[in-house]
Structure formats: C-alpha cells, structure tokens
Protein backbone atom coordinates (compact mmCIF):
# COMPACT_ATOMS: atom_id res chain seq x y z
CA MET A 1 114.27 124.38 68.22
CA ALA A 2 115.32 124.33 64.56
CA CYS A 3 118.31 126.53 65.37
CA ALA A 4 119.40 124.10 68.09
CA ALA A 5 119.09 121.18 65.68
CA GLU A 6 121.11 123.02 63.02
CA LYS A 7 123.77 123.91 65.59
CA ARG A 8 124.11 120.31 66.63
CA ARG A 9 124.24 119.06 63.05
CA PHE A 10 126.95 121.61 62.22
CA LYS A 11 128.90 120.59 65.32
CA GLU A 12 128.72 116.90 64.46
CA GLU A 13 129.79 117.51 60.85
CA THR A 14 132.70 119.81 61.64
CA MET A 15 133.90 118.77 65.10
CA PRO A 16 133.95 114.99 65.46
CA GLY A 17 134.43 113.97 69.07
CA GLU A 18 135.85 110.86 70.68
CA SER A 19 134.15 107.59 71.35
CA PHE A 20 133.63 106.62 74.98
CA ARG A 21 131.77 104.13 77.12
CA PHE A 22 130.09 104.27 80.51
CA ILE A 23 127.97 102.10 82.76
CA HIS A 24 124.73 103.38 84.22
CA ALA A 25 123.28 101.67 87.31
CA SER A 26 120.94 102.65 90.13
CA ASP A 27 118.74 101.57 93.03
CA PHE A 28 121.03 99.02 94.67
CA HIS A 29 118.95 99.31 97.88
CA LEU A 30 121.53 97.34 99.83
CA GLU A 31 119.36 97.78 102.93
CA THR A 32 116.45 95.79 101.48
CA PRO A 33 116.32 91.95 101.49
CA LEU A 34 114.35 89.73 99.14
CA GLY A 35 110.62 89.65 99.97
CA ASP A 36 107.33 87.94 99.05
CA LEU A 37 108.52 84.76 100.76
CA ASP A 38 106.40 82.91 103.30
CA HIS A 39 109.08 80.26 103.69
CA LEU A 40 112.84 80.31 103.18
CA PRO A 41 114.15 77.07 101.66
CA PRO A 42 117.20 76.05 103.75
CA GLN A 43 119.42 75.38 100.74
CA LEU A 44 118.79 78.89 99.34
CA ARG A 45 118.94 81.01 102.50
CA THR A 46 122.56 82.07 102.17
CA ALA A 47 122.24 82.90 98.48
CA MET A 48 119.02 84.85 99.13
CA ALA A 49 120.66 86.83 101.93
CA THR A 50 123.58 87.90 99.75
CA ALA A 51 121.73 88.31 96.42
CA PRO A 52 121.33 92.13 96.59
CA ARG A 53 124.99 92.61 97.46
CA ASP A 54 126.12 90.09 94.83
CA ALA A 55 124.17 91.93 92.13
CA ALA A 56 125.60 95.31 93.19
CA ALA A 57 129.11 93.86 93.30
CA ALA A 58 128.60 92.63 89.71
CA VAL A 59 128.15 96.26 88.64
CA PHE A 60 131.54 97.19 90.07
CA GLU A 61 133.17 94.10 88.59
CA ALA A 62 131.84 95.06 85.17
CA ALA A 63 133.03 98.63 85.63
CA LEU A 64 136.54 97.28 86.14
CA ALA A 65 136.36 94.74 83.30
CA GLU A 66 134.47 96.65 80.58
CA ASN A 67 137.14 99.28 79.96
CA ILE A 68 134.68 102.08 80.68
CA ASP A 69 135.49 105.77 80.98
CA PHE A 70 133.22 106.35 83.97
CA LEU A 71 130.41 104.93 86.08
CA VAL A 72 127.09 106.74 86.54
CA LEU A 73 124.95 105.98 89.62
CA SER A 74 121.50 107.53 89.79
CA GLY A 75 120.50 107.12 93.39
CA ASP A 76 119.06 104.92 96.14
CA LEU A 77 122.21 102.84 96.45
CA MET A 78 121.63 102.26 100.15
CA HIS A 79 120.49 103.83 103.37
CA PRO A 80 123.79 104.22 105.28
CA VAL A 81 122.31 103.19 108.63
CA ALA A 82 119.87 100.48 107.51
CA ALA A 83 122.38 98.83 105.16
CA GLY A 84 124.86 98.39 108.00
CA PRO A 85 128.60 97.84 107.72
CA HIS A 86 128.27 95.20 104.99
CA GLY A 87 126.51 97.61 102.64
CA MET A 88 128.83 100.50 103.43
CA SER A 89 131.89 98.30 102.97
CA LEU A 90 130.73 96.99 99.59
CA LEU A 91 130.11 100.48 98.26
CA LEU A 92 133.37 101.95 99.52
CA ASP A 93 135.38 98.96 98.33
CA GLY A 94 133.91 99.35 94.85
CA PHE A 95 134.72 103.06 94.82
CA GLU A 96 138.29 102.43 95.99
CA ARG A 97 138.92 99.79 93.35
CA LEU A 98 137.66 102.12 90.64
CA HIS A 99 139.87 104.88 92.03
CA ALA A 100 142.88 102.59 91.70
CA ALA A 101 141.86 102.02 88.08
CA ASN A 102 141.53 105.79 87.45
CA THR A 103 137.81 105.43 86.76
CA ALA A 104 135.52 108.31 87.73
CA VAL A 105 132.17 107.80 89.47
CA TYR A 106 129.31 110.30 89.10
CA TRP A 107 126.64 109.79 91.75
CA ALA A 108 123.30 111.59 92.00
CA ALA A 109 121.80 110.48 95.31
CA GLY A 110 118.14 109.59 95.69
CA ILE A 111 115.93 109.37 98.76
CA ALA A 112 117.47 106.40 100.61
CA ASP A 113 121.03 107.65 100.10
CA ASP A 114 120.34 111.30 100.90
CA PRO A 115 123.77 113.02 101.07
CA LYS A 116 122.82 114.51 104.44
CA GLN A 117 122.77 110.99 105.90
CA TRP A 118 126.24 110.06 104.68
CA PRO A 119 128.57 109.89 107.72
CA GLU A 120 131.09 112.72 107.80
CA ALA A 121 133.65 110.32 109.26
CA VAL A 122 133.58 108.25 106.06
CA PRO A 123 135.06 110.36 103.24
CA LEU A 124 134.51 109.32 99.65
CA PRO A 125 137.52 108.58 97.43
CA PRO A 126 138.58 111.49 95.17
CA ASN A 127 137.29 109.75 92.02
CA VAL A 128 133.69 109.94 93.32
CA THR A 129 131.58 113.01 92.63
CA LEU A 130 128.45 113.09 94.81
CA PHE A 131 126.26 115.78 93.29
CA PRO A 132 124.69 118.34 95.66
CA ARG A 133 120.96 118.58 96.33
CA ASP A 134 120.52 122.32 95.89
CA ARG A 135 121.85 122.81 92.37
CA ALA A 136 122.95 121.06 89.21
CA VAL A 137 126.67 120.76 88.61
CA ALA A 138 128.24 120.26 85.17
CA ILE A 139 131.52 118.38 85.08
CA PRO A 140 133.57 118.02 81.89
CA HIS A 141 134.79 114.44 81.78
CA GLN A 142 138.28 114.37 80.35
CA ARG A 143 140.51 111.71 78.90
CA ALA A 144 144.16 112.45 78.18
CA GLY A 145 143.48 116.13 78.75
CA ARG A 146 140.63 116.33 76.25
CA THR A 147 136.96 116.68 77.19
CA VAL A 148 134.92 113.79 75.77
CA CYS A 149 131.54 114.61 77.33
CA SER A 150 129.81 116.70 79.97
CA VAL A 151 128.09 115.10 82.97
CA ILE A 152 125.38 117.23 84.57
CA GLY A 153 123.98 115.94 87.85
CA ARG A 154 121.91 116.87 90.85
CA SER A 155 120.94 114.75 93.86
CA SER A 156 117.30 114.42 94.85
CA GLU A 157 115.65 116.71 97.36
CA GLY A 158 113.31 113.92 98.43
CA ARG A 159 111.05 113.97 95.37
CA SER A 160 109.90 110.83 93.57
CA THR A 161 109.78 112.83 90.33
CA LEU A 162 112.66 114.60 88.66
CA HIS A 163 112.71 118.38 88.87
CA VAL A 164 113.98 118.92 85.32
CA ALA A 165 114.03 122.70 85.67
CA GLY A 166 116.71 122.30 88.33
CA PHE A 167 119.13 120.98 85.69
CA GLN A 168 119.49 124.25 83.81
CA THR A 169 123.16 124.87 83.04
CA GLU A 170 125.14 126.56 80.34
CA THR A 171 124.86 124.88 76.95
CA THR A 172 127.84 122.86 75.75
CA ASP A 173 128.99 121.36 72.48
CA GLU A 174 129.94 118.08 74.13
CA PHE A 175 127.76 115.02 74.46
CA THR A 176 125.78 115.62 77.66
CA VAL A 177 124.72 113.07 80.25
CA GLY A 178 122.07 114.22 82.72
CA VAL A 179 122.10 112.32 86.04
CA GLY A 180 119.18 112.52 88.44
CA HIS A 181 116.88 110.48 90.65
CA GLY A 182 113.22 110.44 89.63
CA ILE A 183 111.06 110.26 86.52
CA ALA A 184 109.56 113.00 84.35
CA ASP A 185 107.56 112.95 81.14
CA ALA A 186 109.23 112.93 77.74
CA SER A 187 108.41 116.52 76.89
CA ALA A 188 110.02 117.87 80.06
CA LEU A 189 113.10 115.70 79.65
CA SER A 190 113.57 116.53 75.99
CA GLY A 191 113.27 120.23 76.79
CA ALA A 192 116.48 120.04 78.83
CA ARG A 193 118.31 118.89 75.68
CA MET A 194 120.45 116.20 77.26
CA ASP A 195 121.89 113.58 74.93
CA TYR A 196 121.32 110.86 77.52
CA TRP A 197 119.28 110.96 80.71
CA ALA A 198 120.62 108.65 83.44
CA LEU A 199 117.61 108.31 85.73
CA GLY A 200 116.92 106.42 88.93
CA GLY A 201 113.91 105.62 91.09
CA PRO A 202 111.94 102.85 89.34
CA HIS A 203 113.03 99.39 90.48
CA ASN A 204 112.17 97.91 87.08
CA HIS A 205 113.98 98.88 83.88
CA THR A 206 112.18 101.90 82.41
CA GLU A 207 112.74 103.75 79.14
CA ILE A 208 111.04 107.08 78.41
CA GLU A 209 110.67 107.31 74.67
CA GLY A 210 111.48 110.74 73.29
CA GLY A 211 113.16 111.94 76.47
CA ALA A 212 116.62 112.27 74.88
CA THR A 213 118.28 111.47 71.57
CA ALA A 214 120.41 108.64 73.00
CA GLY A 215 117.85 107.51 75.57
CA ALA A 216 116.19 108.45 78.85
CA ILE A 217 116.61 105.34 80.96
CA ALA A 218 116.17 104.18 84.53
CA PRO A 219 117.99 100.82 84.61
CA GLY A 220 116.15 99.56 87.69
CA SER A 221 117.62 97.61 90.59
CA PRO A 222 120.37 95.09 89.85
CA GLN A 223 118.31 92.57 91.86
CA GLY A 224 114.51 92.38 92.07
CA ARG A 225 113.08 92.19 95.59
CA ASN A 226 109.45 91.01 95.20
CA GLY A 227 106.72 90.02 92.78
CA ASP A 228 106.19 93.62 91.72
CA GLU A 229 109.80 93.65 90.50
CA SER A 230 109.53 90.61 88.24
CA GLY A 231 111.63 89.84 85.20
CA PRO A 232 115.26 90.66 84.37
CA HIS A 233 117.27 93.15 86.46
CA GLY A 234 120.70 94.67 85.92
CA TYR A 235 122.40 97.77 84.51
CA VAL A 236 123.09 99.32 81.11
CA VAL A 237 126.28 99.93 79.14
CA VAL A 238 126.25 103.01 76.91
CA ASP A 239 128.70 103.20 73.97
CA VAL A 240 128.97 106.58 72.24
CA ASP A 241 130.92 106.88 68.98
CA ALA A 242 132.78 109.89 67.57
CA GLU A 243 129.61 111.11 65.82
CA HIS A 244 127.68 111.02 69.13
CA THR A 245 125.61 108.04 68.09
CA ALA A 246 124.87 105.96 71.18
CA ARG A 247 124.20 102.26 71.59
CA VAL A 248 122.61 101.10 74.85
CA ARG A 249 123.01 97.49 75.98
CA ARG A 250 121.28 95.86 78.95
CA VAL A 251 123.25 93.49 81.18
CA GLU A 252 121.51 91.17 83.67
CA THR A 253 122.91 90.74 87.18
CA ASP A 254 120.04 89.28 89.23
CA ARG A 255 120.81 86.04 91.07
CA PHE A 256 117.14 85.37 91.81
CA ARG A 257 114.42 86.27 89.36
CA TYR A 258 110.82 86.85 90.34
CA LEU A 259 108.24 85.70 87.81
CA ASN A 260 104.44 86.09 87.75
CA VAL A 261 102.87 83.40 85.58
CA ALA A 262 99.18 83.31 84.63
CA ILE A 263 97.44 80.05 83.69
CA ASP A 264 93.98 79.49 82.26
CA SER A 265 91.66 76.51 81.91
CA ASP A 266 92.57 75.79 78.28
CA GLU A 267 96.21 75.24 79.21
CA ILE A 268 95.24 72.89 82.03
CA ARG A 269 92.99 70.92 79.70
CA SER A 270 95.74 70.58 77.09
CA ALA A 271 98.29 69.32 79.64
CA GLY A 272 95.88 66.88 81.26
CA SER A 273 96.33 68.27 84.78
CA LEU A 274 97.54 71.38 86.53
CA ARG A 275 100.46 69.49 88.04
CA ASN A 276 101.67 68.34 84.60
CA LEU A 277 101.29 71.86 83.22
CA LEU A 278 103.28 73.49 86.03
CA GLY A 279 106.07 70.95 85.66
CA GLN A 280 106.31 71.66 81.93
CA LYS A 281 106.33 75.40 82.47
CA ILE A 282 109.04 75.22 85.12
CA GLY A 283 111.31 73.36 82.71
CA THR A 284 110.73 75.98 80.02
CA LEU A 285 111.21 78.93 82.38
CA THR A 286 114.45 77.52 83.79
CA ASN A 287 115.90 77.34 80.28
CA GLU A 288 114.60 80.77 79.27
CA HIS A 289 116.09 82.63 82.24
CA GLY A 290 119.70 81.64 82.01
CA GLY A 291 120.02 79.05 84.74
CA ARG A 292 119.42 81.47 87.65
CA HIS A 293 117.18 80.72 90.62
CA LEU A 294 113.50 81.48 89.95
CA LEU A 295 110.89 82.67 92.45
CA ILE A 296 107.56 81.98 90.80
CA ALA A 297 104.06 83.18 91.71
CA TRP A 298 101.40 81.20 89.85
CA GLU A 299 97.92 82.59 89.26
CA VAL A 300 95.46 80.00 87.99
CA THR A 301 92.16 81.31 86.63
CA LEU A 302 89.48 78.64 86.39
CA ASP A 303 87.27 80.20 83.74
CA ASN A 304 85.78 76.77 83.08
CA ALA A 305 84.44 74.71 85.99
CA GLU A 306 84.74 71.49 84.01
CA VAL A 307 88.52 71.43 84.60
CA LEU A 308 88.08 71.21 88.39
CA PRO A 309 88.98 67.50 88.50
CA SER A 310 92.27 68.31 86.72
CA VAL A 311 93.32 70.86 89.32
CA GLY A 312 93.53 68.80 92.48
CA ASP A 313 94.35 70.07 95.96
CA PRO A 314 96.31 73.38 95.77
CA THR A 315 97.89 72.86 99.20
CA GLU A 316 99.27 69.47 98.24
CA LEU A 317 100.29 70.76 94.81
CA LEU A 318 102.25 73.64 96.37
CA ARG A 319 104.03 71.22 98.67
CA ASN A 320 104.97 68.96 95.75
CA LEU A 321 106.20 71.85 93.60
CA ARG A 322 108.52 73.06 96.32
CA ARG A 323 109.80 69.55 96.97
CA ASP A 324 110.33 68.58 93.32
CA HIS A 325 111.62 71.86 91.87
CA GLY A 326 112.67 74.06 94.80
CA THR A 327 115.63 71.95 95.88
CA THR A 328 117.37 71.69 92.50
CA ASN A 329 120.25 73.85 91.29
CA PRO A 330 119.17 76.21 89.90
CA ALA A 331 116.00 76.16 91.95
CA ALA A 332 112.51 77.05 90.78
CA TRP A 333 110.80 77.96 94.05
CA THR A 334 107.06 78.53 94.07
CA THR A 335 106.37 81.56 96.28
CA ARG A 336 102.62 81.49 95.82
CA LEU A 337 99.95 79.39 94.14
CA THR A 338 96.70 81.30 93.72
CA VAL A 339 93.61 79.58 92.32
CA ARG A 340 90.86 81.91 91.11
CA PRO A 341 87.50 80.12 91.31
CA PRO A 342 85.16 80.09 88.28
CA HIS A 343 82.70 82.96 87.96
CA ASN A 344 80.15 80.66 86.33
CA TYR A 345 79.24 77.02 86.67
CA PRO A 346 77.49 74.79 84.10
CA LYS A 347 73.84 75.74 83.70
CA SER A 348 72.88 72.09 84.07
CA TRP A 349 74.32 72.12 87.61
CA GLN A 350 72.36 75.26 88.50
CA ASP A 351 69.11 73.80 87.10
CA GLU A 352 69.35 70.59 89.11
CA ASP A 353 66.58 69.94 91.62
CA THR A 354 69.22 69.03 94.19
CA ILE A 355 71.03 70.60 97.11
CA LEU A 356 73.83 71.50 94.66
CA GLY A 357 71.35 73.32 92.42
CA ASP A 358 69.82 75.16 95.37
CA PHE A 359 73.30 76.13 96.58
CA LEU A 360 74.43 77.50 93.19
CA ARG A 361 71.20 79.46 92.77
CA ALA A 362 71.63 81.00 96.22
CA SER A 363 75.24 81.90 95.48
CA LYS A 364 74.22 83.50 92.18
CA LYS A 365 71.55 85.53 93.97
CA PHE A 366 74.01 86.97 96.48
CA ALA A 367 76.59 87.64 93.77
CA GLY A 368 73.93 89.42 91.71
CA ALA A 369 72.94 91.57 94.69
CA ARG A 370 76.52 92.71 95.06
CA VAL A 371 76.81 93.56 91.37
CA ARG A 372 73.54 95.52 91.45
CA GLY A 373 74.65 97.26 94.63
CA ALA A 374 77.82 98.47 92.95
CA ALA A 375 75.71 101.01 91.04
CA THR A 376 75.71 103.21 94.16
CA GLU A 377 78.45 103.85 96.67
CA GLU A 378 76.19 103.05 99.61
CA ALA A 379 74.99 99.77 98.16
CA THR A 380 78.54 98.69 97.40
CA THR A 381 79.28 98.37 101.09
CA THR A 382 75.81 97.55 102.45
CA PRO A 383 73.30 96.25 99.88
CA SER A 384 69.88 97.27 101.18
CA SER A 385 67.85 94.47 99.61
CA GLY A 386 66.92 91.20 101.24
CA ASP A 387 69.67 89.57 99.20
CA ARG A 388 72.40 90.92 101.50
CA LEU A 389 74.62 88.12 102.75
CA ASP A 390 74.73 88.40 106.55
CA LEU A 391 76.89 85.82 108.33
CA MET A 392 76.44 87.15 111.86
CA PRO A 393 73.40 84.95 112.71
CA PHE A 394 75.42 81.87 111.78
CA THR A 395 78.23 82.83 114.16
CA GLU A 396 75.73 83.14 117.02
CA GLU A 397 74.85 79.46 116.65
CA HIS A 398 78.37 78.47 117.72
CA SER A 399 79.07 79.47 121.30
CA ASP A 400 82.67 78.18 121.13
CA LEU A 401 83.56 80.55 118.27
CA SER A 402 85.93 83.28 119.39
CA SER A 403 84.76 86.88 119.39
CA THR A 404 87.51 87.73 116.90
CA ALA A 405 86.33 85.09 114.43
CA SER A 406 82.73 86.22 114.85
CA SER A 407 83.68 89.81 114.11
CA LEU A 408 85.66 88.86 111.02
CA LEU A 409 82.83 86.72 109.65
CA GLY A 410 80.15 89.22 110.52
CA ASP A 411 81.86 92.25 109.02
CA VAL A 412 83.65 91.21 105.84
CA PRO A 413 85.36 94.21 104.14
CA ALA A 414 83.50 95.31 101.03
CA ASP A 415 86.48 94.82 98.73
CA GLN A 416 86.83 91.17 99.83
CA ARG A 417 83.21 90.02 99.65
CA GLU A 418 83.19 89.01 96.00
CA ALA A 419 86.35 86.92 96.36
CA ILE A 420 85.16 85.27 99.59
CA LEU A 421 81.80 84.42 98.05
CA ALA A 422 83.55 82.89 95.03
CA ASP A 423 85.78 80.79 97.33
CA ALA A 424 82.81 79.67 99.41
CA THR A 425 80.89 78.72 96.28
CA LEU A 426 83.78 76.63 95.00
CA LEU A 427 84.18 74.90 98.37
CA GLY A 428 80.45 74.13 98.44
CA VAL A 429 80.53 72.74 94.90
CA GLU A 430 83.46 70.49 95.77
CA LEU A 431 81.72 69.14 98.87
CA LEU A 432 78.35 68.63 97.21
CA ARG A 433 79.95 66.88 94.25
CA GLY A 434 81.92 64.54 96.48
CA GLY A 435 85.22 66.44 96.58
CA LYS A 436 87.48 67.29 99.51
CA PRO A 437 87.23 70.51 101.56
CA SER A 438 90.73 71.53 100.51
CA TRP A 439 90.15 74.74 98.59
CA GLY A 440 91.59 78.11 99.46
CA ARG A 441 92.38 81.16 97.40
CA LYS A 442 96.07 81.09 98.29
CA SER A 443 98.34 78.35 99.43
C-alpha cells in the first residue's frame, strides 16, 4: 500500500495532468411516477406527471451548458418497456444532443435498464458507451488527442450491491473513474484504488467515506418519488484539477420535494395551536427549499395530553391545509397528517372516581398486559392472562355488522394492537371529556 502511495505521489509531482470536469447522475427511473399521494390536486397534476422527466432533462441541459468533458450515468435510468415512448425519446434525444456537442457518455446499466432489455432496433449514438455486464472495460478518455483520465465501468448483473472484484483492470497512471450500479463498503471500494467511484442504486444522495480519494458517491434520483426519498435530489458535478485534486458539487433538479416533518407538544404549546404552528412551518419550509413545490408528511407526537385542546380535528385541519397552502404557487401540499396519541394521561384523570377514570385504568391494564406479554414470543401475539383484549364478543352484539368487519375487529394483527389501543383510548378520552369523535391516526 505504501508503494502504491509513493508511486502516485511521484506521478503527481513529475507528471502533472490536465484539469477536466464531468457530471455524474443516476437512477432517473423514468418509468416511475410520484407516489405517496392519496389525492392529486388538479392544479398540480400536469407538473407531477412530468416531474421525473423534467428532472432528468435538467441533467442533459446541464451537460450541454456546463462545458463538461463527459457525462457518467450509473444505472437505472429507465425500464425500456415500462417507461414507454416518452421515456425512450427523452433519453435518446439527450444522447443525440450530446453527440452533436462532441460530449461522451459513459453508462453502467443497473437493474431496470438491463442492457439485455434494450431494443436492438434502437441503436445508441456513437458517443454513448454502454458497459457490458460480464466484464469491466477501461476506456481512456481523450481530449485533443491526449488522455485526461481513465473510465472503468461495468453494468450490473442484477445485484443490488456492487461486485468490486469484477472491476479488476490493469493499473493506470491517469485519474480513474469507476462506474457501477450498487453499493459496497468503504474497504472494498478503496481496495480497487479508483480515484472516484461513480455509483448508482440508492435513490437518495449517498457518500461512502473512505471509498476513494476523490469520493465514492451515489447521487440519487434527480427527482424523489415518495416519503422515503425526502429532501433534495439532483446530480453532482466533479471538477478535477491538474494535480488530480477533485471538487464535488451537488446540483438540485427536483421539481417536487418530499419532506417528513416531526412535531411535538412543546412546539404546539409555543405556537398556541397546531394549525398556527403548521402555517408557520410551511412558510419557513417554502423559503428554505428554493421555491419548489413541497409534498409534506406531518407526524405529530402528543407526548403531553394537556395540549389536546390545541390540536383540534385532524380531518378538518388536513382539509384546511390543502385548501390554504396546496393551491399556491409554489404549492405546499400536505400528503399526510399523522397524530400520535399520548402514551400517558394526567394521573389526576386516571385517579378520578368517574367513567373517565375507569376507562383510563382499563386502557392502562390492557396496555400493560401487552407490554408484559412482549417478554415471550407467544405472549406477544396472544397474551394468556385475563387482561387480553378480546373484541369478538362485542361484535356478536351487533347482528348488522358485516362478517368482514367482525373478523377485522376480532383478530387484530399483533403489530397493530398497541397503536389501535392508543387510538381507542384517545377517542374515549375525547368523548368522555366532552370532545368530538373525530380522531384517527391518519387523515
């Protein structure tokens, strides 16, 4: 390892190279629309439908405007059949425009864009190198007849992880860019001695520290598709100077940005009400995220039951949020409003010699039985004590209840019992304290 380091240091001191720039992008997934939406706002439908293609097109526009030497694509651009003619046309048009600009494209396919699925009747322009699946290929990238770097790529064989050993090639003195679809740990990546690893697979921007001297990066999708792909999305620009020092810059291309925002009782108390708090946060988020459309999932944790009067009806609140903030430009559309009921209620309520007190004590007993039952696998699903909450007898009292509803109530999945009990407790507290039966976990 020391010898390799000395060789590189000698090379950099005696053989200065040339500076160059490239763009690295991946995971366009042109076949996949935006998700996590229970309702499509009419004024945003067209923009939502074209958002993935718009973000991918922004990559090609940047490749033409940034004066780059080449474009690196690390897989899952699109499934040729599922993406349809629109997806195929966008990709080919981008390749053709780069060909006219004498800009090379190095493409290591992933799983969705498996080279075997590419139609033989649709040839790629000569500037596009689609790396094979069965071996790594090293290509010296030249400018004005002089090699400025070496690009080593291999398409995926269907793995979600990168088979680093499959990238073994002859060593070179040039700056090396490894291109592959999948993720590996830092030690495996660093062992291949690439200067920069251009990875694909993760839909969120991912950096593997220690994987390569200039960076081991999966830039993520140019456009997020659901709540699991929250935050900024785009591509990276890599500038390499004559001494092989690299600078990596992220560029955002997403038209819609998913955000997951957590709220606690203290914040609600400070704002006076949940509605006031959400309005304030929407204003802040709109400014922070560059004027793009936001798709926001709120998760409200009521760790203090005393703020219940400040929360209101989640169903009505969701409706108002969508009306007041989802029709603006840019829009801040609430995709989900989840209210997590309190785990504990004031002791004074539980000690009351009232129906409310009896109800809270019963709820606590059943919750305690479930916690005790979690000590054994069998008890987790079917607590054996008399504290087991059995709803089946209650369903039998209502002859007009459908058999489906009876089955669902009588056989609640084990992983949902705690949440359902918490919701039921909150609903009971609201009713017994004079509130409205308007509570639900999700609206």
